[in-house]
C-alpha atoms as a PDB file:
ATOM      1  CA  MET A   1      -4.330 -22.253  18.327  1.00  0.00           C
ATOM      2  CA  THR A   2      -3.712 -24.516  21.276  1.00  0.00           C
ATOM      3  CA  GLN A   3      -5.949 -22.527  23.648  1.00  0.00           C
ATOM      4  CA  ALA A   4      -8.286 -19.580  23.526  1.00  0.00           C
ATOM      5  CA  PRO A   5      -6.240 -16.408  24.125  1.00  0.00           C
ATOM      6  CA  ARG A   6      -7.156 -14.179  27.037  1.00  0.00           C
ATOM      7  CA  ALA A   7      -5.776 -11.055  25.349  1.00  0.00           C
ATOM      8  CA  ILE A   8      -4.851  -9.835  21.880  1.00  0.00           C
ATOM      9  CA  LEU A   9      -1.775  -7.854  20.829  1.00  0.00           C
ATOM     10  CA  LEU A  10      -1.947  -6.062  17.468  1.00  0.00           C
ATOM     11  CA  ASP A  11       0.601  -4.545  15.132  1.00  0.00           C
ATOM     12  CA  ILE A  12      -0.563  -1.412  13.278  1.00  0.00           C
ATOM     13  CA  GLU A  13       0.972  -1.049   9.803  1.00  0.00           C
ATOM     14  CA  GLY A  14      -0.419  -3.734   7.520  1.00  0.00           C
ATOM     15  CA  THR A  15      -2.553  -5.156  10.347  1.00  0.00           C
ATOM     16  CA  THR A  16      -5.055  -2.592  11.616  1.00  0.00           C
ATOM     17  CA  SER A  17      -4.099   0.163   9.216  1.00  0.00           C
ATOM     18  CA  SER A  18      -2.653   0.641   5.746  1.00  0.00           C
ATOM     19  CA  ILE A  19       1.119   0.863   5.418  1.00  0.00           C
ATOM     20  CA  ALA A  20       0.509   3.533   2.778  1.00  0.00           C
ATOM     21  CA  PHE A  21      -1.152   5.786   5.357  1.00  0.00           C
ATOM     22  CA  VAL A  22       2.087   5.965   7.316  1.00  0.00           C
ATOM     23  CA  THR A  23       4.468   6.171   4.355  1.00  0.00           C
ATOM     24  CA  ASP A  24       2.366   8.341   2.021  1.00  0.00           C
ATOM     25  CA  VAL A  25       0.468  10.540   4.487  1.00  0.00           C
ATOM     26  CA  LEU A  26       2.013  10.745   7.962  1.00  0.00           C
ATOM     27  CA  PHE A  27       5.708  10.851   7.061  1.00  0.00           C
ATOM     28  CA  PRO A  28       5.318  13.446   4.263  1.00  0.00           C
ATOM     29  CA  TYR A  29       3.079  15.568   6.508  1.00  0.00           C
ATOM     30  CA  ALA A  30       5.735  15.656   9.245  1.00  0.00           C
ATOM     31  CA  ARG A  31       8.482  16.445   6.758  1.00  0.00           C
ATOM     32  CA  THR A  32       6.517  19.253   5.112  1.00  0.00           C
ATOM     33  CA  HIS A  33       5.674  20.915   8.439  1.00  0.00           C
ATOM     34  CA  LEU A  34       8.944  20.319  10.310  1.00  0.00           C
ATOM     35  CA  ARG A  35      10.661  23.673   9.747  1.00  0.00           C
ATOM     36  CA  ALA A  36       7.571  25.769  10.445  1.00  0.00           C
ATOM     37  CA  PHE A  37       6.662  23.718  13.512  1.00  0.00           C
ATOM     38  CA  VAL A  38      10.141  24.062  15.017  1.00  0.00           C
ATOM     39  CA  ALA A  39      10.140  27.810  14.361  1.00  0.00           C
ATOM     40  CA  ALA A  40       6.705  28.273  15.921  1.00  0.00           C
ATOM     41  CA  ASN A  41       7.385  26.057  18.947  1.00  0.00           C
ATOM     42  CA  ALA A  42      10.994  26.850  19.833  1.00  0.00           C
ATOM     43  CA  GLY A  43      10.510  26.518  23.575  1.00  0.00           C
ATOM     44  CA  ARG A  44       8.612  23.256  23.419  1.00  0.00           C
ATOM     45  CA  VAL A  45      11.016  21.542  21.049  1.00  0.00           C
ATOM     46  CA  ALA A  46      14.284  22.825  22.556  1.00  0.00           C
ATOM     47  CA  PRO A  47      14.801  19.730  24.790  1.00  0.00           C
ATOM     48  CA  ILE A  48      14.250  17.482  21.752  1.00  0.00           C
ATOM     49  CA  LEU A  49      16.586  19.437  19.482  1.00  0.00           C
ATOM     50  CA  ALA A  50      19.261  19.287  22.190  1.00  0.00           C
ATOM     51  CA  GLN A  51      19.421  15.523  21.610  1.00  0.00           C
ATOM     52  CA  VAL A  52      20.066  15.924  17.868  1.00  0.00           C
ATOM     53  CA  PRO A  53      23.641  16.336  16.576  1.00  0.00           C
ATOM     54  CA  GLY A  54      24.771  18.963  14.094  1.00  0.00           C
ATOM     55  CA  ASP A  55      22.163  21.287  12.628  1.00  0.00           C
ATOM     56  CA  PRO A  56      19.090  19.742  14.313  1.00  0.00           C
ATOM     57  CA  VAL A  57      16.571  20.497  11.593  1.00  0.00           C
ATOM     58  CA  GLU A  58      18.830  19.258   8.792  1.00  0.00           C
ATOM     59  CA  THR A  59      19.695  16.139  10.798  1.00  0.00           C
ATOM     60  CA  LEU A  60      16.029  15.433  11.493  1.00  0.00           C
ATOM     61  CA  LEU A  61      15.185  15.790   7.816  1.00  0.00           C
ATOM     62  CA  ARG A  62      18.001  13.391   6.935  1.00  0.00           C
ATOM     63  CA  TRP A  63      16.788  10.916   9.543  1.00  0.00           C
ATOM     64  CA  MET A  64      13.325  11.092   7.971  1.00  0.00           C
ATOM     65  CA  ASP A  65      14.762  10.353   4.540  1.00  0.00           C
ATOM     66  CA  GLU A  66      16.687   7.405   6.017  1.00  0.00           C
ATOM     67  CA  ASP A  67      13.602   6.148   7.926  1.00  0.00           C
ATOM     68  CA  ARG A  68      15.583   6.209  11.160  1.00  0.00           C
ATOM     69  CA  LYS A  69      13.873   5.195  14.403  1.00  0.00           C
ATOM     70  CA  GLU A  70      15.613   7.824  16.516  1.00  0.00           C
ATOM     71  CA  THR A  71      13.776   8.818  19.710  1.00  0.00           C
ATOM     72  CA  PRO A  72      14.004  12.619  19.166  1.00  0.00           C
ATOM     73  CA  LEU A  73      12.632  12.221  15.653  1.00  0.00           C
ATOM     74  CA  LYS A  74       9.740  10.067  16.846  1.00  0.00           C
ATOM     75  CA  ALA A  75       8.920  12.605  19.550  1.00  0.00           C
ATOM     76  CA  LEU A  76       8.896  15.557  17.156  1.00  0.00           C
ATOM     77  CA  GLN A  77       6.909  13.697  14.504  1.00  0.00           C
ATOM     78  CA  GLY A  78       4.339  12.872  17.178  1.00  0.00           C
ATOM     79  CA  MET A  79       3.993  16.545  18.119  1.00  0.00           C
ATOM     80  CA  ILE A  80       3.534  17.570  14.481  1.00  0.00           C
ATOM     81  CA  TRP A  81       0.976  14.830  13.882  1.00  0.00           C
ATOM     82  CA  ALA A  82      -0.922  15.779  17.049  1.00  0.00           C
ATOM     83  CA  GLU A  83      -1.354  19.273  15.671  1.00  0.00           C
ATOM     84  CA  GLY A  84      -2.482  17.850  12.316  1.00  0.00           C
ATOM     85  CA  TYR A  85      -5.030  15.540  13.905  1.00  0.00           C
ATOM     86  CA  ALA A  86      -6.340  18.311  16.160  1.00  0.00           C
ATOM     87  CA  SER A  87      -6.885  20.601  13.167  1.00  0.00           C
ATOM     88  CA  GLY A  88      -8.625  17.889  11.172  1.00  0.00           C
ATOM     89  CA  ALA A  89      -5.903  17.852   8.520  1.00  0.00           C
ATOM     90  CA  LEU A  90      -5.165  14.235   9.458  1.00  0.00           C
ATOM     91  CA  GLN A  91      -7.427  11.263  10.137  1.00  0.00           C
ATOM     92  CA  GLY A  92      -6.026   7.907  11.174  1.00  0.00           C
ATOM     93  CA  HIS A  93      -6.613   5.157   8.648  1.00  0.00           C
ATOM     94  CA  VAL A  94      -8.025   1.866   9.882  1.00  0.00           C
ATOM     95  CA  TYR A  95      -9.351  -0.979   7.784  1.00  0.00           C
ATOM     96  CA  PRO A  96     -13.145  -1.416   8.013  1.00  0.00           C
ATOM     97  CA  ASP A  97     -12.730  -4.734   9.847  1.00  0.00           C
ATOM     98  CA  THR A  98     -10.597  -3.111  12.570  1.00  0.00           C
ATOM     99  CA  PRO A  99     -13.345  -1.337  14.548  1.00  0.00           C
ATOM    100  CA  ASP A 100     -15.635  -4.319  14.016  1.00  0.00           C
ATOM    101  CA  ALA A 101     -13.016  -6.647  15.499  1.00  0.00           C
ATOM    102  CA  LEU A 102     -12.278  -4.318  18.418  1.00  0.00           C
ATOM    103  CA  HIS A 103     -15.967  -4.159  19.310  1.00  0.00           C
ATOM    104  CA  ARG A 104     -16.357  -7.925  18.931  1.00  0.00           C
ATOM    105  CA  TRP A 105     -13.432  -8.723  21.195  1.00  0.00           C
ATOM    106  CA  GLN A 106     -14.488  -6.159  23.805  1.00  0.00           C
ATOM    107  CA  ALA A 107     -17.952  -7.697  23.918  1.00  0.00           C
ATOM    108  CA  ARG A 108     -16.306 -11.052  24.654  1.00  0.00           C
ATOM    109  CA  GLY A 109     -14.161  -9.593  27.414  1.00  0.00           C
ATOM    110  CA  ILE A 110     -10.887  -9.972  25.504  1.00  0.00           C
ATOM    111  CA  PRO A 111      -8.627  -6.924  26.052  1.00  0.00           C
ATOM    112  CA  VAL A 112      -6.682  -5.591  23.094  1.00  0.00           C
ATOM    113  CA  ARG A 113      -3.265  -3.945  23.241  1.00  0.00           C
ATOM    114  CA  ILE A 114      -1.114  -2.405  20.507  1.00  0.00           C
ATOM    115  CA  TYR A 115       2.579  -3.034  19.801  1.00  0.00           C
ATOM    116  CA  SER A 116       4.072  -0.875  17.057  1.00  0.00           C
ATOM    117  CA  SER A 117       7.381   0.711  16.083  1.00  0.00           C
ATOM    118  CA  GLY A 118       5.640   4.090  16.186  1.00  0.00           C
ATOM    119  CA  SER A 119       5.612   5.912  19.526  1.00  0.00           C
ATOM    120  CA  ILE A 120       2.796   5.291  21.982  1.00  0.00           C
ATOM    121  CA  GLU A 121       1.629   8.870  21.446  1.00  0.00           C
ATOM    122  CA  ALA A 122       1.490   8.314  17.665  1.00  0.00           C
ATOM    123  CA  GLN A 123      -0.453   5.088  18.203  1.00  0.00           C
ATOM    124  CA  LYS A 124      -3.026   6.864  20.350  1.00  0.00           C
ATOM    125  CA  LEU A 125      -3.413   9.582  17.714  1.00  0.00           C
ATOM    126  CA  ILE A 126      -4.166   7.090  14.933  1.00  0.00           C
ATOM    127  CA  PHE A 127      -6.862   5.342  16.953  1.00  0.00           C
ATOM    128  CA  GLY A 128      -8.128   8.441  18.728  1.00  0.00           C
ATOM    129  CA  HIS A 129      -8.667  10.361  15.479  1.00  0.00           C
ATOM    130  CA  SER A 130      -9.463   7.487  13.135  1.00  0.00           C
ATOM    131  CA  VAL A 131     -11.746   7.542  10.121  1.00  0.00           C
ATOM    132  CA  ALA A 132     -14.072   5.382  12.250  1.00  0.00           C
ATOM    133  CA  GLY A 133     -14.041   7.806  15.181  1.00  0.00           C
ATOM    134  CA  ASP A 134     -12.350   7.494  18.572  1.00  0.00           C
ATOM    135  CA  LEU A 135     -11.363   3.848  19.027  1.00  0.00           C
ATOM    136  CA  THR A 136      -9.194   4.332  22.126  1.00  0.00           C
ATOM    137  CA  PRO A 137     -11.935   3.160  24.535  1.00  0.00           C
ATOM    138  CA  LEU A 138     -11.615  -0.242  22.857  1.00  0.00           C
ATOM    139  CA  ILE A 139      -7.848  -0.500  23.476  1.00  0.00           C
ATOM    140  CA  SER A 140      -6.419  -1.469  26.860  1.00  0.00           C
ATOM    141  CA  GLY A 141      -2.774  -0.519  26.395  1.00  0.00           C
ATOM    142  CA  TYR A 142       0.075   0.407  24.086  1.00  0.00           C
ATOM    143  CA  PHE A 143       3.674  -0.732  23.633  1.00  0.00           C
ATOM    144  CA  ASP A 144       6.410   0.693  21.431  1.00  0.00           C
ATOM    145  CA  MET A 145      10.122   0.226  20.841  1.00  0.00           C
ATOM    146  CA  THR A 146      10.937   1.287  24.394  1.00  0.00           C
ATOM    147  CA  THR A 147       9.779  -2.200  25.360  1.00  0.00           C
ATOM    148  CA  GLY A 148      12.244  -3.754  22.910  1.00  0.00           C
ATOM    149  CA  PRO A 149      12.684  -4.623  19.215  1.00  0.00           C
ATOM    150  CA  LYS A 150       9.728  -6.294  17.566  1.00  0.00           C
ATOM    151  CA  ARG A 151      11.864  -9.070  16.120  1.00  0.00           C
ATOM    152  CA  GLU A 152      13.220 -10.226  19.487  1.00  0.00           C
ATOM    153  CA  ALA A 153      11.431 -12.794  21.623  1.00  0.00           C
ATOM    154  CA  GLY A 154      12.291 -10.980  24.834  1.00  0.00           C
ATOM    155  CA  SER A 155      10.058  -8.066  23.867  1.00  0.00           C
ATOM    156  CA  TYR A 156       6.981 -10.279  23.817  1.00  0.00           C
ATOM    157  CA  ALA A 157       7.875 -11.875  27.129  1.00  0.00           C
ATOM    158  CA  ALA A 158       8.228  -8.359  28.590  1.00  0.00           C
ATOM    159  CA  ILE A 159       4.812  -7.341  27.260  1.00  0.00           C
ATOM    160  CA  ALA A 160       3.161 -10.401  28.772  1.00  0.00           C
ATOM    161  CA  GLN A 161       4.830  -9.680  32.100  1.00  0.00           C
ATOM    162  CA  ALA A 162       3.673  -6.054  31.973  1.00  0.00           C
ATOM    163  CA  THR A 163       0.068  -7.170  31.435  1.00  0.00           C
ATOM    164  CA  GLY A 164       0.194  -9.768  34.191  1.00  0.00           C
ATOM    165  CA  LEU A 165      -0.631 -12.617  31.822  1.00  0.00           C
ATOM    166  CA  ALA A 166       1.201 -15.792  30.964  1.00  0.00           C
ATOM    167  CA  VAL A 167       2.863 -15.279  27.599  1.00  0.00           C
ATOM    168  CA  GLY A 168       0.927 -18.219  26.138  1.00  0.00           C
ATOM    169  CA  ASP A 169      -2.368 -16.534  27.006  1.00  0.00           C
ATOM    170  CA  MET A 170      -1.770 -13.746  24.493  1.00  0.00           C
ATOM    171  CA  LEU A 171      -2.304 -13.731  20.726  1.00  0.00           C
ATOM    172  CA  PHE A 172      -0.174 -11.451  18.546  1.00  0.00           C
ATOM    173  CA  VAL A 173      -1.238 -10.499  15.002  1.00  0.00           C
ATOM    174  CA  SER A 174       1.238  -8.951  12.544  1.00  0.00           C
ATOM    175  CA  ASP A 175       1.944  -8.797   8.827  1.00  0.00           C
ATOM    176  CA  ILE A 176       5.688  -9.366   9.407  1.00  0.00           C
ATOM    177  CA  GLN A 177       6.823 -12.990   9.545  1.00  0.00           C
ATOM    178  CA  ALA A 178       9.916 -12.189  11.638  1.00  0.00           C
ATOM    179  CA  GLU A 179       7.729 -10.554  14.285  1.00  0.00           C
ATOM    180  CA  VAL A 180       5.353 -13.511  14.341  1.00  0.00           C
ATOM    181  CA  ASP A 181       8.338 -15.847  14.681  1.00  0.00           C
ATOM    182  CA  ALA A 182       9.730 -13.805  17.591  1.00  0.00           C
ATOM    183  CA  ALA A 183       6.401 -13.863  19.406  1.00  0.00           C
ATOM    184  CA  ARG A 184       6.140 -17.626  18.951  1.00  0.00           C
ATOM    185  CA  ALA A 185       9.711 -18.062  20.160  1.00  0.00           C
ATOM    186  CA  ALA A 186       8.649 -16.339  23.378  1.00  0.00           C
ATOM    187  CA  GLY A 187       5.766 -18.768  23.734  1.00  0.00           C
ATOM    188  CA  MET A 188       3.054 -16.350  22.585  1.00  0.00           C
ATOM    189  CA  GLN A 189       0.351 -17.414  20.171  1.00  0.00           C
ATOM    190  CA  ALA A 190       0.691 -15.545  16.880  1.00  0.00           C
ATOM    191  CA  LEU A 191      -0.907 -15.189  13.463  1.00  0.00           C
ATOM    192  CA  LEU A 192       0.507 -13.797  10.234  1.00  0.00           C
ATOM    193  CA  ILE A 193      -1.958 -11.510   8.478  1.00  0.00           C
ATOM    194  CA  ASP A 194      -1.643 -10.764   4.768  1.00  0.00           C
ATOM    195  CA  ARG A 195      -4.376  -8.480   3.512  1.00  0.00           C
ATOM    196  CA  ASP A 196      -3.626  -9.496  -0.068  1.00  0.00           C
ATOM    197  CA  GLY A 197      -4.523 -13.052   0.889  1.00  0.00           C
ATOM    198  CA  ARG A 198      -1.357 -14.632  -0.487  1.00  0.00           C
ATOM    199  CA  THR A 199       1.017 -15.705   2.283  1.00  0.00           C
ATOM    200  CA  GLY A 200      -0.757 -15.044   5.577  1.00  0.00           C
ATOM    201  CA  GLU A 201      -2.651 -17.357   7.876  1.00  0.00           C
ATOM    202  CA  VAL A 202      -5.502 -14.836   7.857  1.00  0.00           C
ATOM    203  CA  SER A 203      -6.370 -12.026   5.437  1.00  0.00           C
ATOM    204  CA  SER A 204      -8.413  -9.811   7.773  1.00  0.00           C
ATOM    205  CA  LEU A 205      -9.145  -9.257  11.449  1.00  0.00           C
ATOM    206  CA  ALA A 206     -12.617 -10.668  10.786  1.00  0.00           C
ATOM    207  CA  GLU A 207     -10.949 -14.084  10.738  1.00  0.00           C
ATOM    208  CA  VAL A 208      -9.250 -13.627  14.112  1.00  0.00           C
ATOM    209  CA  LEU A 209     -11.401 -15.090  16.907  1.00  0.00           C
ATOM    210  CA  PRO A 210     -14.592 -14.620  14.870  1.00  0.00           C
END
C-alpha cells in the first residue's frame, strides 16, 4: 500500500462472512417462508408485490431460483430475514477474525464501512445478529447496489465522495478480483482476500492492517 488508509470498506460474502451462509442458509430460509410471510403480512407487502409482474409470489420464487438482484425481491427477503433473526431462527455468520479486526481498527480510529450486493437492511441484520453478537457499533456505514454495481469504478468514487474522503484514502477488501480491479481503477487502495490461501493477497482479515 502506498499510504496508510484512513478508512476501510469491506465486502461481506467471502470476506467477513461465509458465502455458504448466504447461499445455504439465508436464501433457502427466505424461499421456504415466502408464501406464509406474504399471506400473514398482506398489508405490509402490498407495495412490494405491486412492483412484481405476473403472479407476484410465483415471480418472486422464480427470481430467487435465478438469483436475480431485483429490488422488490431484496426488500421482501430482508423482511423475512428480519423476522428470522428476531425469533432467533437465524444468526449471522462471521469469520472469527472479523470481530477481532473490527475491534482492532476501531481502537486505531479507522472507520469501517460495508459494501455488498445485499440490501443495507440485510447487511445490518447479519452484523446486528451475528454469532459474535451485535457488531453494528463497530461499523460506520453501509452501501449496497443503489450506489452502483460493484464491478464499476464509479461506484467506489461515489462511496468515497459520500464519506467525505479522498478515494485514495480508503482501502477496499473483497474476494472478487473484478471488484478489486474496479476499486483500484477508481484510485482506491484494494486487497484481494482468498480464505483458502491460494490466489489472494491476504487469507484473513487478521492480515489487513495488523
